[in-house]
All heavy atoms as atom14 arrays in JSON, in Angstrom:
{
  "sequence": "QLAGTFFFSRKHANRCTTGKFFATLVYQLASNFPSIKDDVTRAIRENF",
  "atom14_mask": [
    [1, 1, 1, 1, 1, 1, 1, 1, 1, 0, 0, 0, 0, 0],
    [1, 1, 1, 1, 1, 1, 1, 1, 0, 0, 0, 0, 0, 0],
    [1, 1, 1, 1, 1, 0, 0, 0, 0, 0, 0, 0, 0, 0],
    [1, 1, 1, 1, 0, 0, 0, 0, 0, 0, 0, 0, 0, 0],
    [1, 1, 1, 1, 1, 1, 1, 0, 0, 0, 0, 0, 0, 0],
    [1, 1, 1, 1, 1, 1, 1, 1, 1, 1, 1, 0, 0, 0],
    [1, 1, 1, 1, 1, 1, 1, 1, 1, 1, 1, 0, 0, 0],
    [1, 1, 1, 1, 1, 1, 1, 1, 1, 1, 1, 0, 0, 0],
    [1, 1, 1, 1, 1, 1, 0, 0, 0, 0, 0, 0, 0, 0],
    [1, 1, 1, 1, 1, 1, 1, 1, 1, 1, 1, 0, 0, 0],
    [1, 1, 1, 1, 1, 1, 1, 1, 1, 0, 0, 0, 0, 0],
    [1, 1, 1, 1, 1, 1, 1, 1, 1, 1, 0, 0, 0, 0],
    [1, 1, 1, 1, 1, 0, 0, 0, 0, 0, 0, 0, 0, 0],
    [1, 1, 1, 1, 1, 1, 1, 1, 0, 0, 0, 0, 0, 0],
    [1, 1, 1, 1, 1, 1, 1, 1, 1, 1, 1, 0, 0, 0],
    [1, 1, 1, 1, 1, 1, 0, 0, 0, 0, 0, 0, 0, 0],
    [1, 1, 1, 1, 1, 1, 1, 0, 0, 0, 0, 0, 0, 0],
    [1, 1, 1, 1, 1, 1, 1, 0, 0, 0, 0, 0, 0, 0],
    [1, 1, 1, 1, 0, 0, 0, 0, 0, 0, 0, 0, 0, 0],
    [1, 1, 1, 1, 1, 1, 1, 1, 1, 0, 0, 0, 0, 0],
    [1, 1, 1, 1, 1, 1, 1, 1, 1, 1, 1, 0, 0, 0],
    [1, 1, 1, 1, 1, 1, 1, 1, 1, 1, 1, 0, 0, 0],
    [1, 1, 1, 1, 1, 0, 0, 0, 0, 0, 0, 0, 0, 0],
    [1, 1, 1, 1, 1, 1, 1, 0, 0, 0, 0, 0, 0, 0],
    [1, 1, 1, 1, 1, 1, 1, 1, 0, 0, 0, 0, 0, 0],
    [1, 1, 1, 1, 1, 1, 1, 0, 0, 0, 0, 0, 0, 0],
    [1, 1, 1, 1, 1, 1, 1, 1, 1, 1, 1, 1, 0, 0],
    [1, 1, 1, 1, 1, 1, 1, 1, 1, 0, 0, 0, 0, 0],
    [1, 1, 1, 1, 1, 1, 1, 1, 0, 0, 0, 0, 0, 0],
    [1, 1, 1, 1, 1, 0, 0, 0, 0, 0, 0, 0, 0, 0],
    [1, 1, 1, 1, 1, 1, 0, 0, 0, 0, 0, 0, 0, 0],
    [1, 1, 1, 1, 1, 1, 1, 1, 0, 0, 0, 0, 0, 0],
    [1, 1, 1, 1, 1, 1, 1, 1, 1, 1, 1, 0, 0, 0],
    [1, 1, 1, 1, 1, 1, 1, 0, 0, 0, 0, 0, 0, 0],
    [1, 1, 1, 1, 1, 1, 0, 0, 0, 0, 0, 0, 0, 0],
    [1, 1, 1, 1, 1, 1, 1, 1, 0, 0, 0, 0, 0, 0],
    [1, 1, 1, 1, 1, 1, 1, 1, 1, 0, 0, 0, 0, 0],
    [1, 1, 1, 1, 1, 1, 1, 1, 0, 0, 0, 0, 0, 0],
    [1, 1, 1, 1, 1, 1, 1, 1, 0, 0, 0, 0, 0, 0],
    [1, 1, 1, 1, 1, 1, 1, 0, 0, 0, 0, 0, 0, 0],
    [1, 1, 1, 1, 1, 1, 1, 0, 0, 0, 0, 0, 0, 0],
    [1, 1, 1, 1, 1, 1, 1, 1, 1, 1, 1, 0, 0, 0],
    [1, 1, 1, 1, 1, 0, 0, 0, 0, 0, 0, 0, 0, 0],
    [1, 1, 1, 1, 1, 1, 1, 1, 0, 0, 0, 0, 0, 0],
    [1, 1, 1, 1, 1, 1, 1, 1, 1, 1, 1, 0, 0, 0],
    [1, 1, 1, 1, 1, 1, 1, 1, 1, 0, 0, 0, 0, 0],
    [1, 1, 1, 1, 1, 1, 1, 1, 0, 0, 0, 0, 0, 0],
    [1, 1, 1, 1, 1, 1, 1, 1, 1, 1, 1, 0, 0, 0]
  ],
  "atom14_positions": [
    [[6.79, -5.2, -10.95], [5.83, -6.2, -11.39], [4.41, -5.8, -11.07], [3.49, -6.32, -11.66], [6.13, -7.56, -10.75], [7.28, -8.27, -11.42], [7.32, -9.74, -11.03], [6.42, -10.29, -10.44], [8.41, -10.38, -11.39], [0.0, 0.0, 0.0], [0.0, 0.0, 0.0], [0.0, 0.0, 0.0], [0.0, 0.0, 0.0], [0.0, 0.0, 0.0]],
    [[4.2, -4.91, -10.13], [2.85, -4.51, -9.77], [2.36, -3.45, -10.75], [2.86, -2.34, -10.79], [2.82, -3.95, -8.34], [1.44, -3.58, -7.83], [0.57, -4.83, -7.68], [1.54, -2.87, -6.5], [0.0, 0.0, 0.0], [0.0, 0.0, 0.0], [0.0, 0.0, 0.0], [0.0, 0.0, 0.0], [0.0, 0.0, 0.0], [0.0, 0.0, 0.0]],
    [[1.37, -3.82, -11.55], [0.82, -2.9, -12.54], [-0.16, -1.93, -11.9], [-0.17, -0.74, -12.23], [0.13, -3.67, -13.65], [0.0, 0.0, 0.0], [0.0, 0.0, 0.0], [0.0, 0.0, 0.0], [0.0, 0.0, 0.0], [0.0, 0.0, 0.0], [0.0, 0.0, 0.0], [0.0, 0.0, 0.0], [0.0, 0.0, 0.0], [0.0, 0.0, 0.0]],
    [[-0.96, -2.41, -10.98], [-1.94, -1.55, -10.33], [-2.85, -2.36, -9.42], [-2.89, -3.58, -9.51], [0.0, 0.0, 0.0], [0.0, 0.0, 0.0], [0.0, 0.0, 0.0], [0.0, 0.0, 0.0], [0.0, 0.0, 0.0], [0.0, 0.0, 0.0], [0.0, 0.0, 0.0], [0.0, 0.0, 0.0], [0.0, 0.0, 0.0], [0.0, 0.0, 0.0]],
    [[-3.57, -1.66, -8.57], [-4.51, -2.31, -7.66], [-5.76, -1.47, -7.54], [-5.73, -0.24, -7.73], [-3.91, -2.47, -6.25], [-3.51, -1.2, -5.75], [-2.71, -3.41, -6.25], [0.0, 0.0, 0.0], [0.0, 0.0, 0.0], [0.0, 0.0, 0.0], [0.0, 0.0, 0.0], [0.0, 0.0, 0.0], [0.0, 0.0, 0.0], [0.0, 0.0, 0.0]],
    [[-6.84, -2.13, -7.23], [-8.1, -1.43, -6.95], [-8.78, -2.16, -5.81], [-9.22, -3.29, -5.98], [-9.01, -1.39, -8.18], [-10.15, -0.42, -8.04], [-10.13, 0.79, -8.72], [-11.25, -0.69, -7.23], [-11.17, 1.7, -8.6], [-12.29, 0.21, -7.1], [-12.25, 1.41, -7.79], [0.0, 0.0, 0.0], [0.0, 0.0, 0.0], [0.0, 0.0, 0.0]],
    [[-8.83, -1.53, -4.65], [-9.49, -2.11, -3.5], [-10.88, -1.49, -3.39], [-11.03, -0.31, -3.12], [-8.68, -1.85, -2.22], [-7.53, -2.79, -2.04], [-6.37, -2.63, -2.78], [-7.61, -3.84, -1.13], [-5.3, -3.51, -2.62], [-6.54, -4.71, -0.97], [-5.39, -4.55, -1.72], [0.0, 0.0, 0.0], [0.0, 0.0, 0.0], [0.0, 0.0, 0.0]],
    [[-11.89, -2.31, -3.63], [-13.27, -1.85, -3.51], [-13.63, -1.66, -2.04], [-13.04, -2.28, -1.16], [-14.23, -2.86, -4.15], [-14.18, -2.87, -5.65], [-13.36, -3.75, -6.33], [-14.96, -2.0, -6.38], [-13.31, -3.76, -7.71], [-14.92, -1.99, -7.77], [-14.09, -2.88, -8.42], [0.0, 0.0, 0.0], [0.0, 0.0, 0.0], [0.0, 0.0, 0.0]],
    [[-14.62, -0.8, -1.79], [-15.1, -0.56, -0.44], [-16.55, -0.1, -0.49], [-16.87, 0.82, -1.25], [-14.25, 0.51, 0.25], [-14.82, 0.89, 1.48], [0.0, 0.0, 0.0], [0.0, 0.0, 0.0], [0.0, 0.0, 0.0], [0.0, 0.0, 0.0], [0.0, 0.0, 0.0], [0.0, 0.0, 0.0], [0.0, 0.0, 0.0], [0.0, 0.0, 0.0]],
    [[-17.38, -0.71, 0.32], [-18.78, -0.28, 0.38], [-18.91, 1.1, 1.01], [-19.9, 1.78, 0.82], [-19.59, -1.27, 1.19], [-19.83, -2.55, 0.47], [-20.73, -3.46, 1.27], [-20.28, -4.83, 1.0], [-20.11, -5.75, 1.91], [-20.38, -5.52, 3.15], [-19.69, -6.94, 1.57], [0.0, 0.0, 0.0], [0.0, 0.0, 0.0], [0.0, 0.0, 0.0]],
    [[-17.93, 1.51, 1.79], [-18.0, 2.77, 2.54], [-17.65, 4.0, 1.72], [-17.92, 5.11, 2.14], [-17.05, 2.71, 3.74], [-17.39, 1.62, 4.72], [-16.34, 1.56, 5.82], [-16.56, 0.38, 6.72], [-15.49, 0.23, 7.7], [0.0, 0.0, 0.0], [0.0, 0.0, 0.0], [0.0, 0.0, 0.0], [0.0, 0.0, 0.0], [0.0, 0.0, 0.0]],
    [[-17.02, 3.84, 0.57], [-16.56, 4.97, -0.23], [-17.26, 4.96, -1.59], [-17.15, 3.98, -2.33], [-15.05, 4.91, -0.42], [-14.3, 5.05, 0.86], [-13.99, 3.97, 1.65], [-13.84, 6.15, 1.51], [-13.34, 4.39, 2.72], [-13.24, 5.7, 2.66], [0.0, 0.0, 0.0], [0.0, 0.0, 0.0], [0.0, 0.0, 0.0], [0.0, 0.0, 0.0]],
    [[-17.9, 6.06, -1.92], [-18.69, 6.16, -3.16], [-17.87, 5.86, -4.41], [-18.36, 5.23, -5.34], [-19.34, 7.54, -3.26], [0.0, 0.0, 0.0], [0.0, 0.0, 0.0], [0.0, 0.0, 0.0], [0.0, 0.0, 0.0], [0.0, 0.0, 0.0], [0.0, 0.0, 0.0], [0.0, 0.0, 0.0], [0.0, 0.0, 0.0], [0.0, 0.0, 0.0]],
    [[-16.63, 6.32, -4.47], [-15.8, 6.11, -5.67], [-15.28, 4.68, -5.79], [-14.78, 4.29, -6.83], [-14.61, 7.07, -5.66], [-15.0, 8.46, -6.04], [-15.99, 8.68, -6.72], [-14.22, 9.44, -5.6], [0.0, 0.0, 0.0], [0.0, 0.0, 0.0], [0.0, 0.0, 0.0], [0.0, 0.0, 0.0], [0.0, 0.0, 0.0], [0.0, 0.0, 0.0]],
    [[-15.35, 3.93, -4.69], [-14.78, 2.58, -4.7], [-15.82, 1.48, -4.52], [-15.46, 0.32, -4.38], [-13.73, 2.46, -3.6], [-12.55, 3.36, -3.84], [-11.45, 3.17, -2.85], [-11.82, 2.39, -1.7], [-11.19, 2.42, -0.53], [-10.17, 3.19, -0.36], [-11.58, 1.68, 0.47], [0.0, 0.0, 0.0], [0.0, 0.0, 0.0], [0.0, 0.0, 0.0]],
    [[-17.09, 1.82, -4.52], [-18.1, 0.78, -4.32], [-18.74, 0.32, -5.62], [-19.55, -0.61, -5.62], [-19.17, 1.25, -3.33], [-20.23, 2.56, -3.94], [0.0, 0.0, 0.0], [0.0, 0.0, 0.0], [0.0, 0.0, 0.0], [0.0, 0.0, 0.0], [0.0, 0.0, 0.0], [0.0, 0.0, 0.0], [0.0, 0.0, 0.0], [0.0, 0.0, 0.0]],
    [[-18.36, 0.93, -6.74], [-18.86, 0.51, -8.05], [-17.69, 0.36, -9.01], [-16.56, 0.77, -8.7], [-19.85, 1.54, -8.64], [-19.13, 2.74, -8.94], [-21.0, 1.83, -7.69], [0.0, 0.0, 0.0], [0.0, 0.0, 0.0], [0.0, 0.0, 0.0], [0.0, 0.0, 0.0], [0.0, 0.0, 0.0], [0.0, 0.0, 0.0], [0.0, 0.0, 0.0]],
    [[-17.98, -0.16, -10.18], [-16.92, -0.39, -11.17], [-16.72, 0.8, -12.11], [-15.87, 0.74, -12.99], [-17.24, -1.63, -12.01], [-18.52, -1.46, -12.61], [-17.22, -2.89, -11.17], [0.0, 0.0, 0.0], [0.0, 0.0, 0.0], [0.0, 0.0, 0.0], [0.0, 0.0, 0.0], [0.0, 0.0, 0.0], [0.0, 0.0, 0.0], [0.0, 0.0, 0.0]],
    [[-17.47, 1.88, -11.93], [-17.44, 3.01, -12.86], [-16.07, 3.6, -13.12], [-15.76, 4.02, -14.23], [0.0, 0.0, 0.0], [0.0, 0.0, 0.0], [0.0, 0.0, 0.0], [0.0, 0.0, 0.0], [0.0, 0.0, 0.0], [0.0, 0.0, 0.0], [0.0, 0.0, 0.0], [0.0, 0.0, 0.0], [0.0, 0.0, 0.0], [0.0, 0.0, 0.0]],
    [[-15.22, 3.64, -12.1], [-13.88, 4.24, -12.26], [-12.77, 3.2, -12.18], [-11.59, 3.54, -12.09], [-13.68, 5.31, -11.19], [-14.66, 6.46, -11.33], [-14.39, 7.56, -10.34], [-15.37, 8.7, -10.56], [-15.07, 9.84, -9.71], [0.0, 0.0, 0.0], [0.0, 0.0, 0.0], [0.0, 0.0, 0.0], [0.0, 0.0, 0.0], [0.0, 0.0, 0.0]],
    [[-13.15, 1.94, -12.26], [-12.21, 0.84, -12.13], [-11.09, 0.89, -13.18], [-9.91, 0.93, -12.85], [-12.97, -0.48, -12.21], [-12.11, -1.71, -12.16], [-11.52, -2.1, -10.97], [-11.89, -2.47, -13.29], [-10.73, -3.24, -10.91], [-11.12, -3.61, -13.25], [-10.54, -3.99, -12.06], [0.0, 0.0, 0.0], [0.0, 0.0, 0.0], [0.0, 0.0, 0.0]],
    [[-11.47, 0.9, -14.46], [-10.44, 0.86, -15.51], [-9.65, 2.15, -15.61], [-8.44, 2.13, -15.86], [-11.05, 0.48, -16.86], [-11.32, -0.99, -16.98], [-12.6, -1.47, -16.99], [-10.27, -1.89, -17.03], [-12.84, -2.83, -17.06], [-10.49, -3.25, -17.11], [-11.79, -3.73, -17.12], [0.0, 0.0, 0.0], [0.0, 0.0, 0.0], [0.0, 0.0, 0.0]],
    [[-10.3, 3.29, -15.38], [-9.57, 4.56, -15.39], [-8.51, 4.57, -14.3], [-7.38, 5.02, -14.5], [-10.53, 5.73, -15.22], [0.0, 0.0, 0.0], [0.0, 0.0, 0.0], [0.0, 0.0, 0.0], [0.0, 0.0, 0.0], [0.0, 0.0, 0.0], [0.0, 0.0, 0.0], [0.0, 0.0, 0.0], [0.0, 0.0, 0.0], [0.0, 0.0, 0.0]],
    [[-8.87, 4.05, -13.14], [-7.93, 3.99, -12.01], [-6.78, 3.04, -12.31], [-5.6, 3.38, -12.1], [-8.66, 3.56, -10.73], [-9.69, 4.51, -10.46], [-7.72, 3.49, -9.55], [0.0, 0.0, 0.0], [0.0, 0.0, 0.0], [0.0, 0.0, 0.0], [0.0, 0.0, 0.0], [0.0, 0.0, 0.0], [0.0, 0.0, 0.0], [0.0, 0.0, 0.0]],
    [[-7.09, 1.86, -12.8], [-6.03, 0.89, -13.09], [-5.1, 1.36, -14.21], [-3.89, 1.19, -14.12], [-6.62, -0.47, -13.45], [-7.14, -1.29, -12.28], [-7.67, -2.63, -12.76], [-6.06, -1.5, -11.23], [0.0, 0.0, 0.0], [0.0, 0.0, 0.0], [0.0, 0.0, 0.0], [0.0, 0.0, 0.0], [0.0, 0.0, 0.0], [0.0, 0.0, 0.0]],
    [[-5.66, 1.97, -15.25], [-4.8, 2.41, -16.36], [-3.94, 3.6, -15.92], [-2.81, 3.75, -16.38], [-5.6, 2.71, -17.64], [-6.25, 4.07, -17.61], [-4.7, 2.57, -18.86], [0.0, 0.0, 0.0], [0.0, 0.0, 0.0], [0.0, 0.0, 0.0], [0.0, 0.0, 0.0], [0.0, 0.0, 0.0], [0.0, 0.0, 0.0], [0.0, 0.0, 0.0]],
    [[-4.46, 4.43, -15.03], [-3.66, 5.54, -14.49], [-2.46, 4.98, -13.72], [-1.33, 5.44, -13.91], [-4.53, 6.41, -13.57], [-3.77, 7.52, -12.9], [-3.42, 8.67, -13.6], [-3.39, 7.42, -11.57], [-2.72, 9.68, -12.99], [-2.69, 8.44, -10.95], [-2.36, 9.57, -11.66], [-1.66, 10.58, -11.05], [0.0, 0.0, 0.0], [0.0, 0.0, 0.0]],
    [[-2.7, 3.97, -12.89], [-1.6, 3.35, -12.16], [-0.63, 2.63, -13.1], [0.59, 2.71, -12.94], [-2.15, 2.36, -11.13], [-2.9, 2.99, -10.0], [-3.49, 1.95, -9.08], [-2.88, 0.91, -8.8], [-4.7, 2.19, -8.61], [0.0, 0.0, 0.0], [0.0, 0.0, 0.0], [0.0, 0.0, 0.0], [0.0, 0.0, 0.0], [0.0, 0.0, 0.0]],
    [[-1.19, 1.93, -14.07], [-0.38, 1.19, -15.04], [0.57, 2.13, -15.78], [1.77, 1.89, -15.87], [-1.27, 0.45, -16.03], [-0.59, -0.39, -17.09], [0.14, -1.56, -16.46], [-1.6, -0.88, -18.12], [0.0, 0.0, 0.0], [0.0, 0.0, 0.0], [0.0, 0.0, 0.0], [0.0, 0.0, 0.0], [0.0, 0.0, 0.0], [0.0, 0.0, 0.0]],
    [[0.04, 3.24, -16.29], [0.86, 4.2, -17.03], [1.83, 4.93, -16.11], [2.92, 5.32, -16.54], [-0.02, 5.19, -17.77], [0.0, 0.0, 0.0], [0.0, 0.0, 0.0], [0.0, 0.0, 0.0], [0.0, 0.0, 0.0], [0.0, 0.0, 0.0], [0.0, 0.0, 0.0], [0.0, 0.0, 0.0], [0.0, 0.0, 0.0], [0.0, 0.0, 0.0]],
    [[1.47, 5.1, -14.85], [2.39, 5.72, -13.89], [3.53, 4.77, -13.56], [4.69, 5.2, -13.43], [1.65, 6.09, -12.61], [0.68, 7.08, -12.86], [0.0, 0.0, 0.0], [0.0, 0.0, 0.0], [0.0, 0.0, 0.0], [0.0, 0.0, 0.0], [0.0, 0.0, 0.0], [0.0, 0.0, 0.0], [0.0, 0.0, 0.0], [0.0, 0.0, 0.0]],
    [[3.23, 3.48, -13.43], [4.25, 2.48, -13.1], [5.08, 2.04, -14.31], [6.22, 1.63, -14.18], [3.6, 1.24, -12.48], [3.1, 1.51, -11.08], [3.68, 2.3, -10.34], [2.01, 0.87, -10.71], [0.0, 0.0, 0.0], [0.0, 0.0, 0.0], [0.0, 0.0, 0.0], [0.0, 0.0, 0.0], [0.0, 0.0, 0.0], [0.0, 0.0, 0.0]],
    [[4.47, 2.14, -15.51], [5.14, 1.73, -16.74], [5.0, 2.86, -17.76], [4.11, 2.82, -18.62], [4.53, 0.43, -17.28], [4.68, -0.74, -16.35], [3.71, -0.99, -15.39], [5.79, -1.56, -16.41], [3.85, -2.06, -14.51], [5.94, -2.62, -15.54], [4.97, -2.87, -14.58], [0.0, 0.0, 0.0], [0.0, 0.0, 0.0], [0.0, 0.0, 0.0]],
    [[5.85, 3.89, -17.67], [5.73, 5.07, -18.53], [5.75, 4.78, -20.03], [5.31, 5.6, -20.82], [6.94, 5.92, -18.14], [7.34, 5.43, -16.79], [6.96, 3.99, -16.72], [0.0, 0.0, 0.0], [0.0, 0.0, 0.0], [0.0, 0.0, 0.0], [0.0, 0.0, 0.0], [0.0, 0.0, 0.0], [0.0, 0.0, 0.0], [0.0, 0.0, 0.0]],
    [[6.21, 3.6, -20.43], [6.27, 3.27, -21.85], [4.9, 3.23, -22.51], [4.81, 3.32, -23.74], [7.0, 1.95, -22.06], [6.37, 0.92, -21.32], [0.0, 0.0, 0.0], [0.0, 0.0, 0.0], [0.0, 0.0, 0.0], [0.0, 0.0, 0.0], [0.0, 0.0, 0.0], [0.0, 0.0, 0.0], [0.0, 0.0, 0.0], [0.0, 0.0, 0.0]],
    [[3.82, 3.12, -21.75], [2.49, 3.1, -22.37], [1.72, 4.4, -22.16], [0.6, 4.54, -22.64], [1.63, 1.91, -21.9], [1.21, 2.07, -20.45], [2.31, 0.6, -22.15], [-0.07, 1.33, -20.16], [0.0, 0.0, 0.0], [0.0, 0.0, 0.0], [0.0, 0.0, 0.0], [0.0, 0.0, 0.0], [0.0, 0.0, 0.0], [0.0, 0.0, 0.0]],
    [[2.31, 5.35, -21.46], [1.59, 6.6, -21.14], [1.11, 7.33, -22.39], [-0.02, 7.8, -22.45], [2.47, 7.52, -20.3], [1.76, 8.75, -19.8], [2.66, 9.56, -18.88], [1.97, 10.82, -18.41], [2.81, 11.6, -17.51], [0.0, 0.0, 0.0], [0.0, 0.0, 0.0], [0.0, 0.0, 0.0], [0.0, 0.0, 0.0], [0.0, 0.0, 0.0]],
    [[1.96, 7.43, -23.41], [1.56, 8.13, -24.64], [0.38, 7.43, -25.32], [-0.53, 8.1, -25.82], [2.74, 8.22, -25.62], [3.81, 9.18, -25.14], [3.52, 10.03, -24.28], [4.95, 9.07, -25.63], [0.0, 0.0, 0.0], [0.0, 0.0, 0.0], [0.0, 0.0, 0.0], [0.0, 0.0, 0.0], [0.0, 0.0, 0.0], [0.0, 0.0, 0.0]],
    [[0.39, 6.1, -25.33], [-0.71, 5.36, -25.95], [-2.01, 5.52, -25.17], [-3.09, 5.61, -25.75], [-0.36, 3.88, -26.1], [0.73, 3.66, -27.13], [0.73, 4.38, -28.14], [1.58, 2.79, -26.91], [0.0, 0.0, 0.0], [0.0, 0.0, 0.0], [0.0, 0.0, 0.0], [0.0, 0.0, 0.0], [0.0, 0.0, 0.0], [0.0, 0.0, 0.0]],
    [[-1.91, 5.59, -23.85], [-3.09, 5.8, -23.02], [-3.67, 7.19, -23.25], [-4.88, 7.35, -23.46], [-2.77, 5.58, -21.52], [-3.91, 6.07, -20.63], [-2.45, 4.12, -21.25], [0.0, 0.0, 0.0], [0.0, 0.0, 0.0], [0.0, 0.0, 0.0], [0.0, 0.0, 0.0], [0.0, 0.0, 0.0], [0.0, 0.0, 0.0], [0.0, 0.0, 0.0]],
    [[-2.82, 8.2, -23.25], [-3.32, 9.57, -23.47], [-3.88, 9.71, -24.89], [-4.87, 10.41, -25.09], [-2.24, 10.63, -23.21], [-1.09, 10.35, -23.99], [-1.85, 10.67, -21.74], [0.0, 0.0, 0.0], [0.0, 0.0, 0.0], [0.0, 0.0, 0.0], [0.0, 0.0, 0.0], [0.0, 0.0, 0.0], [0.0, 0.0, 0.0], [0.0, 0.0, 0.0]],
    [[-3.3, 9.03, -25.86], [-3.83, 9.06, -27.22], [-5.23, 8.44, -27.26], [-6.15, 8.98, -27.89], [-2.9, 8.31, -28.18], [-3.34, 8.4, -29.65], [-2.41, 7.67, -30.62], [-1.01, 8.03, -30.44], [-0.06, 7.19, -30.01], [-0.35, 5.94, -29.71], [1.19, 7.6, -29.86], [0.0, 0.0, 0.0], [0.0, 0.0, 0.0], [0.0, 0.0, 0.0]],
    [[-5.42, 7.34, -26.56], [-6.73, 6.67, -26.53], [-7.78, 7.59, -25.91], [-8.92, 7.64, -26.38], [-6.63, 5.37, -25.74], [0.0, 0.0, 0.0], [0.0, 0.0, 0.0], [0.0, 0.0, 0.0], [0.0, 0.0, 0.0], [0.0, 0.0, 0.0], [0.0, 0.0, 0.0], [0.0, 0.0, 0.0], [0.0, 0.0, 0.0], [0.0, 0.0, 0.0]],
    [[-7.4, 8.35, -24.9], [-8.34, 9.27, -24.26], [-8.65, 10.44, -25.19], [-9.8, 10.85, -25.32], [-7.79, 9.75, -22.9], [-7.69, 8.57, -21.94], [-8.68, 10.85, -22.31], [-6.88, 8.85, -20.7], [0.0, 0.0, 0.0], [0.0, 0.0, 0.0], [0.0, 0.0, 0.0], [0.0, 0.0, 0.0], [0.0, 0.0, 0.0], [0.0, 0.0, 0.0]],
    [[-7.61, 10.98, -25.83], [-7.83, 12.09, -26.77], [-8.74, 11.68, -27.92], [-9.53, 12.47, -28.41], [-6.5, 12.61, -27.32], [-5.88, 13.66, -26.43], [-4.73, 14.35, -27.13], [-3.57, 14.19, -26.29], [-2.49, 13.46, -26.58], [-2.39, 12.85, -27.73], [-1.51, 13.36, -25.74], [0.0, 0.0, 0.0], [0.0, 0.0, 0.0], [0.0, 0.0, 0.0]],
    [[-8.63, 10.43, -28.36], [-9.48, 9.94, -29.45], [-10.94, 9.85, -29.03], [-11.83, 9.94, -29.87], [-8.99, 8.56, -29.92], [-7.69, 8.61, -30.68], [-7.13, 7.22, -30.99], [-7.79, 6.2, -30.64], [-6.04, 7.14, -31.57], [0.0, 0.0, 0.0], [0.0, 0.0, 0.0], [0.0, 0.0, 0.0], [0.0, 0.0, 0.0], [0.0, 0.0, 0.0]],
    [[-11.17, 9.66, -27.73], [-12.54, 9.51, -27.25], [-12.6, 9.9, -25.76], [-12.48, 9.04, -24.89], [-13.03, 8.07, -27.44], [-14.44, 7.87, -26.97], [-15.15, 8.81, -26.64], [-14.86, 6.62, -26.91], [0.0, 0.0, 0.0], [0.0, 0.0, 0.0], [0.0, 0.0, 0.0], [0.0, 0.0, 0.0], [0.0, 0.0, 0.0], [0.0, 0.0, 0.0]],
    [[-12.79, 11.19, -25.48], [-12.84, 11.65, -24.09], [-13.97, 10.99, -23.32], [-13.9, 10.83, -22.1], [-12.99, 13.18, -24.02], [-11.68, 13.9, -24.05], [-11.22, 14.49, -25.22], [-10.89, 13.99, -22.92], [-10.01, 15.15, -25.26], [-9.67, 14.65, -22.95], [-9.22, 15.23, -24.12], [0.0, 0.0, 0.0], [0.0, 0.0, 0.0], [0.0, 0.0, 0.0]]
  ]
}
């Protein structure tokens, strides 16, 4: 049931802003639910 998590932190540069939020969550989502991995990689290939 856990699709993904993102714990923000002021102490870590990669986790103190939203810049990598969706990339991180979709990576976890596709890792936890392989049925969408192909669609995620297709979306990235369409627009890197």
